[in-house]
Amino acid sequence: MVLRGHCYLNLKMYDDAERIFTAVAATGNRDGSRGLRDLMLAKHPPRGEY
């Protein structure tokens, strides 16, 4: 499931990726939580420090 979430993330299908990662994270899987973090960074990249 995590691999599917990352595929959706790479295809910029953010809603589907979020659904998958949320379901996996709800089971206590750390990879699901990491996927949610990766999704957040993809949707809202950090600004560079100046």
Protein backbone atom coordinates (compact mmCIF):
# COMPACT_ATOMS: atom_id res chain seq x y z
CA MET A 1 0.00 0.00 0.00
CA VAL A 2 2.86 2.39 0.79
CA LEU A 3 4.33 1.78 -2.64
CA ARG A 4 0.96 2.61 -4.20
CA GLY A 5 0.84 5.82 -2.17
CA HIS A 6 4.26 6.83 -3.45
CA CYS A 7 3.19 6.06 -7.02
CA TYR A 8 0.22 8.38 -6.59
CA LEU A 9 2.52 10.99 -5.06
CA ASN A 10 4.90 10.81 -8.04
CA LEU A 11 1.95 11.15 -10.41
CA LYS A 12 0.79 14.23 -8.44
CA MET A 13 -2.45 12.49 -7.54
CA TYR A 14 -2.29 14.05 -4.10
CA ASP A 15 -5.82 13.22 -2.92
CA ASP A 16 -5.35 9.53 -3.67
CA ALA A 17 -1.91 9.50 -2.06
CA GLU A 18 -3.30 11.13 1.07
CA ARG A 19 -6.09 8.56 1.29
CA ILE A 20 -3.61 5.67 1.05
CA PHE A 21 -1.04 7.14 3.46
CA THR A 22 -3.72 8.04 6.00
CA ALA A 23 -5.10 4.50 5.95
CA VAL A 24 -1.64 2.97 6.34
CA ALA A 25 -0.67 5.41 9.11
CA ALA A 26 -3.87 4.53 10.97
CA THR A 27 -2.58 0.97 11.34
CA GLY A 28 0.50 2.28 13.14
CA ASN A 29 2.84 1.81 10.22
CA ARG A 30 5.67 4.36 10.29
CA ASP A 31 5.99 4.33 6.51
CA GLY A 32 2.46 5.69 6.30
CA SER A 33 3.41 8.60 8.52
CA ARG A 34 6.53 9.22 6.45
CA GLY A 35 4.39 9.17 3.33
CA LEU A 36 2.10 11.82 4.80
CA ARG A 37 5.17 13.94 5.57
CA ASP A 38 6.44 13.49 2.00
CA LEU A 39 3.01 14.46 0.71
CA MET A 40 2.99 17.63 2.81
CA LEU A 41 6.45 18.57 1.52
CA ALA A 42 5.37 17.94 -2.08
CA LYS A 43 2.27 20.13 -1.70
CA HIS A 44 3.99 22.84 0.37
CA PRO A 45 7.74 22.88 -0.31
CA PRO A 46 9.82 24.68 2.32
CA ARG A 47 11.05 28.11 1.43
CA GLY A 48 14.77 28.64 1.12
CA GLU A 49 16.58 30.44 3.91
CA TYR A 50 17.90 33.87 3.02
